[in-house]
Protein backbone atom coordinates (compact mmCIF):
# COMPACT_ATOMS: atom_id res chain seq x y z
CA MET A 1 151.76 44.12 117.39
CA LYS A 2 150.69 40.78 118.81
CA VAL A 3 151.40 37.74 116.66
CA PRO A 4 150.09 34.48 118.16
CA LEU A 5 151.60 31.13 117.30
CA LEU A 6 148.08 29.97 116.38
CA ASP A 7 144.84 31.90 116.23
CA LEU A 8 141.85 29.56 116.17
CA GLN A 9 139.56 32.49 116.86
CA ALA A 10 140.36 33.87 113.41
CA GLN A 11 139.23 30.58 111.86
CA LEU A 12 136.16 30.44 114.04
CA GLU A 13 134.95 33.80 112.72
CA TYR A 14 133.88 32.24 109.43
CA LEU A 15 133.14 28.69 110.66
CA GLU A 16 131.31 29.28 113.94
CA ASP A 17 127.75 29.11 112.65
CA ASP A 18 128.35 25.92 110.69
CA ILE A 19 130.21 24.26 113.56
CA ILE A 20 127.48 25.14 116.06
CA GLU A 21 124.83 23.81 113.67
CA ALA A 22 126.79 20.55 113.29
CA VAL A 23 127.23 20.12 117.05
CA VAL A 24 123.56 20.83 117.70
CA ARG A 25 122.65 18.29 115.03
CA VAL A 26 124.60 15.62 116.89
CA ILE A 27 123.05 16.56 120.24
CA LYS A 28 119.53 16.45 118.84
CA SER A 29 120.17 13.12 117.17
CA THR A 30 121.09 11.49 120.53
CA ARG A 31 123.62 9.37 118.59
CA TYR A 32 126.52 10.13 120.92
CA ILE A 33 128.65 7.06 120.21
CA GLN A 34 129.69 6.18 116.64
CA GLY A 35 126.80 6.68 114.21
CA PRO A 36 126.47 8.45 110.86
CA GLU A 37 128.68 11.46 111.68
CA VAL A 38 131.65 9.21 112.33
CA GLU A 39 130.92 6.95 109.39
CA GLY A 40 130.58 9.91 107.06
CA LEU A 41 133.88 11.36 108.15
CA GLU A 42 135.65 8.01 107.86
CA SER A 43 134.50 7.71 104.27
CA ALA A 44 135.40 11.33 103.44
CA ILE A 45 138.92 11.10 104.94
CA ALA A 46 139.58 7.77 103.23
CA ASP A 47 138.50 9.26 99.89
CA TYR A 48 140.57 12.39 100.47
CA CYS A 49 143.68 10.34 101.19
CA GLY A 50 143.13 7.88 98.38
CA ALA A 51 142.78 5.01 100.86
CA GLY A 52 140.22 2.22 100.87
CA TYR A 53 139.20 2.45 104.49
CA GLY A 54 139.07 4.94 107.35
CA VAL A 55 138.65 4.14 111.04
CA GLY A 56 137.95 7.03 113.40
CA VAL A 57 139.64 6.91 116.80
CA THR A 58 140.03 9.04 119.91
CA SER A 59 143.34 10.72 119.06
CA GLY A 60 146.44 10.56 116.91
CA THR A 61 148.18 8.73 119.75
CA ASP A 62 145.47 6.08 119.87
CA ALA A 63 145.62 5.78 116.10
CA LEU A 64 149.25 4.72 116.44
CA LEU A 65 148.58 2.53 119.47
CA ALA A 66 145.63 0.71 117.92
CA SER A 67 147.60 0.17 114.68
CA LEU A 68 150.45 -1.47 116.58
CA MET A 69 147.95 -3.57 118.53
CA CYS A 70 146.46 -4.60 115.20
CA LEU A 71 149.94 -5.84 114.21
CA ASP A 72 150.16 -7.79 117.48
CA ILE A 73 153.22 -5.87 118.60
CA LYS A 74 154.07 -7.26 122.01
CA GLN A 75 156.57 -7.37 124.86
CA GLY A 76 160.12 -7.51 123.58
CA ASP A 77 159.35 -6.71 119.92
CA ARG A 78 161.35 -3.88 118.41
CA VAL A 79 159.92 -1.04 116.33
CA LEU A 80 162.09 1.11 114.09
CA THR A 81 161.38 4.83 114.13
CA THR A 82 162.86 8.30 114.38
CA PRO A 83 164.36 9.88 117.51
CA TYR A 84 162.98 13.30 116.52
CA SER A 85 159.22 13.49 116.89
CA PHE A 86 156.45 14.12 119.37
CA PHE A 87 156.55 11.69 122.31
CA ALA A 88 153.50 9.73 121.14
CA THR A 89 155.53 8.12 118.36
CA MET A 90 157.71 6.40 120.96
CA GLY A 91 155.15 6.30 123.77
CA VAL A 92 152.83 3.85 122.00
CA ILE A 93 155.75 1.47 121.47
CA LEU A 94 156.65 1.53 125.14
CA ARG A 95 153.02 1.08 126.25
CA LEU A 96 152.97 -2.30 124.50
CA GLY A 97 156.19 -3.39 126.17
CA ALA A 98 158.02 -3.14 122.87
CA VAL A 99 161.40 -1.48 122.36
CA PRO A 100 161.99 1.59 120.14
CA VAL A 101 164.94 1.38 117.77
CA PHE A 102 166.03 4.69 116.31
CA ALA A 103 167.51 5.71 112.97
CA ASP A 104 168.82 9.28 112.84
CA ILE A 105 167.17 11.95 110.73
CA ASP A 106 168.06 13.65 107.49
CA PRO A 107 169.27 17.15 108.45
CA VAL A 108 167.41 18.88 105.61
CA SER A 109 163.91 17.37 105.87
CA PHE A 110 164.10 16.43 109.58
CA ASN A 111 162.55 13.08 108.56
CA ILE A 112 163.99 9.64 109.23
CA ASP A 113 167.03 8.82 107.07
CA PRO A 114 166.49 5.66 104.95
CA VAL A 115 170.24 5.08 104.70
CA LYS A 116 170.46 4.84 108.49
CA MET A 117 167.33 2.66 108.50
CA ALA A 118 168.94 0.28 106.01
CA GLU A 119 172.02 -0.09 108.20
CA ILE A 120 169.88 -0.99 111.23
CA LEU A 121 167.72 -3.46 109.34
CA GLU A 122 170.77 -5.15 107.79
CA ALA A 123 172.22 -5.62 111.26
CA ASP A 124 168.98 -7.13 112.63
CA SER A 125 170.03 -10.71 111.91
CA GLU A 126 167.51 -12.20 114.37
CA LYS A 127 164.60 -10.28 112.73
CA THR A 128 163.45 -8.69 115.97
CA ILE A 129 162.18 -5.53 114.28
CA LYS A 130 158.46 -6.07 113.73
CA ALA A 131 157.24 -2.67 112.48
CA ILE A 132 158.49 0.60 111.02
CA ILE A 133 157.03 3.98 111.97
CA PRO A 134 158.24 6.81 109.72
CA VAL A 135 157.04 10.28 110.76
CA HIS A 136 156.08 12.86 108.13
CA LEU A 137 157.37 15.68 110.28
CA TYR A 138 156.12 19.27 109.99
CA GLY A 139 153.89 18.45 107.03
CA GLN A 140 156.38 16.95 104.55
CA CYS A 141 156.55 13.28 103.66
CA ALA A 142 159.49 11.10 104.56
CA ASP A 143 161.26 9.34 101.67
CA MET A 144 158.54 6.75 101.28
CA LYS A 145 159.90 5.08 98.13
CA SER A 146 163.08 4.10 99.94
CA ILE A 147 161.17 3.19 103.09
CA MET A 148 158.68 0.96 101.24
CA GLU A 149 161.56 -0.75 99.44
CA LEU A 150 163.06 -1.60 102.83
CA SER A 151 159.64 -2.74 104.03
CA ALA A 152 159.35 -5.14 101.09
CA LYS A 153 162.95 -6.36 101.40
CA TYR A 154 162.64 -7.26 105.07
CA ASN A 155 158.87 -7.99 105.10
CA ILE A 156 158.17 -5.46 107.82
CA PRO A 157 154.90 -3.48 107.85
CA VAL A 158 154.95 0.31 107.76
CA VAL A 159 152.69 2.42 109.95
CA GLU A 160 152.90 6.05 108.84
CA ASP A 161 152.80 8.65 111.60
CA ALA A 162 151.07 11.30 109.53
CA ALA A 163 149.77 13.27 112.50
CA GLN A 164 151.18 16.48 111.02
CA ALA A 165 150.70 15.64 107.38
CA ILE A 166 147.10 15.06 106.33
CA GLY A 167 146.93 15.92 102.66
CA ALA A 168 150.69 16.04 102.15
CA GLU A 169 151.74 14.31 98.95
CA TYR A 170 154.76 12.20 98.02
CA PRO A 171 156.13 12.12 94.44
CA LEU A 172 156.52 8.43 93.69
CA VAL A 173 158.73 7.92 90.66
CA GLY A 174 157.98 4.73 88.75
CA ASP A 175 160.41 2.54 86.85
CA ASP A 176 159.37 4.34 83.68
CA GLY A 177 160.17 7.74 85.21
CA ALA A 178 156.51 8.74 85.51
CA ILE A 179 155.53 10.50 88.74
CA THR A 180 152.41 9.77 90.70
CA TYR A 181 151.51 11.79 93.75
CA GLN A 182 150.40 9.71 96.72
CA LYS A 183 148.87 11.10 99.90
CA ALA A 184 150.54 10.65 103.28
CA GLY A 185 148.97 7.78 105.20
CA ALA A 186 147.90 5.79 102.16
CA ILE A 187 151.35 4.50 101.19
CA GLY A 188 152.17 2.08 104.02
CA LEU A 189 149.93 -0.54 105.58
CA ALA A 190 148.34 2.11 107.79
CA GLY A 191 148.40 5.88 108.13
CA CYS A 192 147.67 7.62 111.42
CA PHE A 193 146.30 11.14 111.68
CA SER A 194 145.75 13.51 114.56
CA PHE A 195 142.95 16.05 114.63
CA PHE A 196 144.38 17.94 117.60
CA PRO A 197 143.14 21.55 117.37
CA SER A 198 146.48 22.95 116.20
CA LYS A 199 146.73 20.62 113.18
CA ASN A 200 145.92 21.77 109.64
CA LEU A 201 142.65 19.88 110.11
CA GLY A 202 141.79 20.19 113.76
CA CYS A 203 138.66 19.45 115.75
CA VAL A 204 137.39 21.05 118.98
CA GLY A 205 139.09 18.52 121.22
CA ASP A 206 140.95 15.29 120.58
CA GLY A 207 140.37 13.06 117.58
CA GLY A 208 142.23 10.80 115.20
CA MET A 209 141.90 8.52 112.21
CA VAL A 210 143.62 5.47 110.74
CA VAL A 211 143.45 4.90 107.00
CA SER A 212 144.46 1.73 105.20
CA GLN A 213 144.22 -0.01 101.85
CA ASP A 214 143.96 -3.36 103.63
CA LYS A 215 140.39 -4.49 104.37
CA ALA A 216 141.36 -7.13 106.91
CA PHE A 217 143.54 -4.66 108.81
CA ALA A 218 140.74 -2.09 108.87
CA GLU A 219 138.18 -4.64 110.06
CA LYS A 220 140.48 -5.76 112.87
CA LEU A 221 141.07 -2.14 113.81
CA VAL A 222 137.30 -1.61 114.12
CA LEU A 223 137.23 -4.42 116.68
CA ILE A 224 140.23 -3.11 118.59
CA ARG A 225 138.78 0.40 118.96
CA ASN A 226 135.70 -1.10 120.69
CA HIS A 227 137.25 -3.50 123.24
CA GLY A 228 137.71 -6.19 120.62
CA ALA A 229 133.98 -6.90 120.64
CA TYR A 230 131.71 -8.19 117.86
CA PRO A 231 128.90 -8.77 118.29
CA LYS A 232 128.23 -6.84 121.47
CA TYR A 233 129.69 -8.49 124.59
CA HIS A 234 131.54 -11.09 122.50
CA HIS A 235 135.22 -10.18 122.76
CA LYS A 236 137.42 -11.77 120.14
CA MET A 237 140.53 -9.96 121.40
CA VAL A 238 141.62 -7.36 123.93
CA GLY A 239 141.16 -3.90 122.52
CA GLY A 240 140.45 -0.50 124.00
CA ASN A 241 137.96 2.32 124.05
CA PHE A 242 139.28 4.25 121.06
CA ARG A 243 136.01 5.50 119.51
CA LEU A 244 135.91 8.89 117.81
CA ASP A 245 133.39 11.31 119.35
CA PRO A 246 130.63 12.14 116.80
CA ILE A 247 130.74 15.82 117.84
CA GLN A 248 134.38 15.88 116.77
CA ALA A 249 133.51 14.06 113.56
CA ALA A 250 130.76 16.57 112.76
CA THR A 251 133.14 19.47 113.37
CA LEU A 252 135.77 17.95 111.10
CA THR A 253 133.18 17.37 108.39
CA VAL A 254 132.53 21.14 108.42
CA LYS A 255 136.22 21.90 108.17
CA LEU A 256 137.35 19.31 105.61
CA PRO A 257 136.17 21.27 102.52
CA TYR A 258 138.48 24.15 103.57
CA LEU A 259 141.56 22.01 103.98
CA GLU A 260 143.03 22.43 100.50
CA SER A 261 142.75 26.19 100.68
CA TRP A 262 144.37 26.16 104.13
CA HIS A 263 147.28 24.13 102.79
CA LYS A 264 147.69 26.65 99.98
CA LYS A 265 147.65 29.60 102.37
CA ARG A 266 150.21 27.99 104.62
CA ARG A 267 152.53 27.46 101.63
CA ALA A 268 152.02 31.08 100.62
CA ASN A 269 152.95 32.18 104.14
CA ALA A 270 156.04 29.99 104.00
CA ARG A 271 157.12 31.58 100.73
CA SER A 272 156.53 35.02 102.21
CA TYR A 273 158.76 34.18 105.16
CA ASN A 274 161.42 32.77 102.85
CA SER A 275 161.42 36.00 100.83
CA LEU A 276 161.52 38.22 103.89
CA PHE A 277 164.40 36.30 105.46
CA ALA A 278 166.29 36.29 102.14
CA LYS A 279 166.01 40.08 101.99
CA SER A 280 167.03 40.44 105.65
CA GLY A 281 170.60 39.22 105.12
CA LEU A 282 170.32 36.78 108.02
CA ILE A 283 170.60 33.75 105.78
CA GLU A 284 173.86 34.99 104.22
CA GLU A 285 175.18 35.75 107.70
CA GLY A 286 174.47 32.20 108.81
CA LYS A 287 172.04 33.27 111.53
CA VAL A 288 168.96 31.67 109.98
CA ILE A 289 168.27 28.66 107.75
CA THR A 290 164.76 28.56 106.29
CA PRO A 291 163.02 25.20 105.71
CA THR A 292 163.55 23.28 102.50
CA GLN A 293 160.69 21.92 100.47
CA VAL A 294 162.67 18.84 99.51
CA TYR A 295 160.38 17.67 96.72
CA GLY A 296 160.16 21.11 95.12
CA ASP A 297 156.94 22.44 93.60
CA ALA A 298 154.54 20.83 91.16
CA VAL A 299 151.26 21.71 89.47
CA VAL A 300 149.04 19.00 87.99
CA ASP A 301 145.93 19.90 86.00
CA GLY A 302 146.08 23.41 87.42
CA ARG A 303 146.29 22.19 91.01
CA GLU A 304 149.29 22.92 93.18
CA VAL A 305 150.47 19.61 94.61
CA ASN A 306 150.74 19.50 98.42
CA LEU A 307 154.41 18.60 98.54
CA HIS A 308 154.58 20.43 101.87
CA ILE A 309 151.59 21.51 103.97
CA TYR A 310 153.57 23.41 106.63
CA ASN A 311 151.93 22.17 109.79
CA GLN A 312 154.91 24.00 111.20
CA TYR A 313 157.35 26.50 109.70
CA ILE A 314 160.71 25.57 111.17
CA LEU A 315 163.84 27.68 111.22
CA ARG A 316 167.33 26.60 112.21
CA VAL A 317 168.80 29.55 114.05
CA ASP A 318 171.80 30.76 115.96
CA ARG A 319 171.24 31.32 119.72
CA ARG A 320 167.86 29.64 119.56
CA ASP A 321 166.79 29.90 123.20
CA GLU A 322 167.69 33.57 123.38
CA LEU A 323 165.74 34.27 120.18
CA ARG A 324 162.70 32.46 121.58
CA ASP A 325 162.79 34.58 124.73
CA TRP A 326 163.15 37.76 122.64
CA LEU A 327 160.21 36.91 120.41
CA GLN A 328 157.98 36.09 123.34
CA LYS A 329 158.99 39.35 125.02
CA ASN A 330 157.77 41.12 121.87
CA ASP A 331 154.37 39.34 121.88
CA ILE A 332 155.33 36.95 119.11
CA GLY A 333 154.28 33.35 119.51
CA CYS A 334 156.85 30.66 118.80
CA GLU A 335 157.54 27.12 119.92
CA ILE A 336 160.30 24.54 120.01
CA TYR A 337 159.37 21.24 118.31
CA TYR A 338 161.17 19.38 119.97
CA PRO A 339 163.70 20.40 122.64
CA ILE A 340 164.59 16.87 123.78
CA PRO A 341 165.06 14.03 121.27
CA LEU A 342 163.20 10.85 122.11
CA HIS A 343 166.32 8.83 122.97
CA LYS A 344 167.13 11.32 125.73
CA GLN A 345 163.74 11.25 127.45
CA GLU A 346 163.96 10.49 131.14
CA CYS A 347 161.31 7.77 131.04
CA LEU A 348 163.64 5.53 129.02
CA GLY A 349 166.03 5.13 131.94
CA ASP A 350 169.23 3.53 130.62
CA LEU A 351 167.59 1.93 127.56
CA CYS A 352 169.38 4.28 125.17
CA GLU A 353 172.39 4.98 127.32
CA GLY A 354 175.45 5.60 125.18
CA LEU A 355 173.46 5.97 121.98
CA ASN A 356 173.80 9.18 120.01
CA TYR A 357 171.83 10.51 117.08
CA PRO A 358 173.73 13.68 116.18
CA GLU A 359 171.36 15.09 113.59
CA ALA A 360 168.36 14.73 115.88
CA GLU A 361 170.33 16.33 118.72
CA LYS A 362 171.39 19.27 116.52
CA ALA A 363 167.82 19.82 115.38
CA ALA A 364 166.57 19.77 118.98
CA ALA A 365 169.13 22.41 119.93
CA SER A 366 168.71 24.78 116.98
CA THR A 367 165.16 24.81 115.62
CA ILE A 368 162.21 27.10 116.31
CA ALA A 369 158.69 27.21 114.90
CA LEU A 370 157.10 30.46 113.77
CA PRO A 371 153.38 31.20 113.25
CA ILE A 372 152.18 29.76 109.92
CA TYR A 373 148.39 29.45 110.27
CA PRO A 374 146.28 30.41 107.20
CA GLU A 375 144.88 33.65 108.61
CA LEU A 376 148.35 35.05 109.38
CA THR A 377 148.77 38.45 107.66
CA VAL A 378 151.71 39.80 105.68
CA GLU A 379 151.96 42.65 108.19
CA MET A 380 152.36 40.15 111.02
CA GLN A 381 155.10 38.34 109.13
CA GLU A 382 156.93 41.58 108.34
CA TYR A 383 156.79 42.59 111.99
CA LEU A 384 158.07 39.18 113.10
CA VAL A 385 161.01 39.16 110.70
CA GLU A 386 161.81 42.75 111.68
CA LYS A 387 162.06 41.64 115.32
CA VAL A 388 164.29 38.70 114.39
CA VAL A 389 166.60 41.10 112.58
CA GLN A 390 166.65 43.40 115.59
CA PHE A 391 167.60 40.50 117.83
CA TYR A 392 170.68 39.60 115.78
CA LYS A 393 171.75 43.25 115.67
CA LEU A 394 171.62 43.70 119.44
């Protein structure tokens, strides 16, 4: 049996006609830059996230870059983030001549550890840290209550890297003990999303979005994504060409109504995996650790809250690289997110020499992602787990 890591063809089977109709609509309109398709998606994503404003951009990377440009991050500034994420999180900092400062991750959630963040911020006596970028890794929110408390204490803006977490919700506990569920991206000053095809909400190329509750920030971001110009040919600042393609916006508009059901199916697949691995005996033997949904489960008004959206289903495993090779040999797709922590990337030179982030390094050496897309069948999951069991019995 062949089990791909991701099967976009399976999704296309029931979306193809609508997507083609949307693309043709854009082509016939001749509105190929900005226009109503982009504006409509910006409004829809902002509403979905519970944010006031949405600004479509070219990619998740450019969402982060433009947000930091909007904060005037410059040469020599320092930005606090996680060492365990996709390269873009760090890359945008470096592109502006700024310096990444890392706080190690929590070993259970894989997200940045607020305790480690607090230690770094306390030691920053000269106030050189100008922004904080928490990453909601794998589809589960970082501890945003603690992070926003640090943001307020040190007056440092938070830009959420929510590239893997559109629709994920965070249980914010108020002083009275009441819980409100806030969407990823709408908690900090800005939230950055990627619409890369493999994401829970993916387009047919590259695309991204920034959401914010701050009108002035959003208005500045609109300038930055179009070379800092308003009106045309009048450049108030140096920006970039970060405009979202209306064909991508039209495609995403078709897909957005399905997103909640896709989140639900991914969670169901995660629970199926958890059950299969529990029955396999591999957890008791210490060979496999299944992911933890750190905020548990919740249902509000009959709706299951998206406390994890499983952009990836991540195992910690023994003999990770050998298991990866075995699965691939048996036509099972898998991936390592991420084999090299950011502080060990070659492009940094000696910037992080001598620095160690043990939890990030352990995660990089022991984790593997399994297929989790909505159309994955129970039979595929059973076959996959069967092959994992066979590997550990060799």
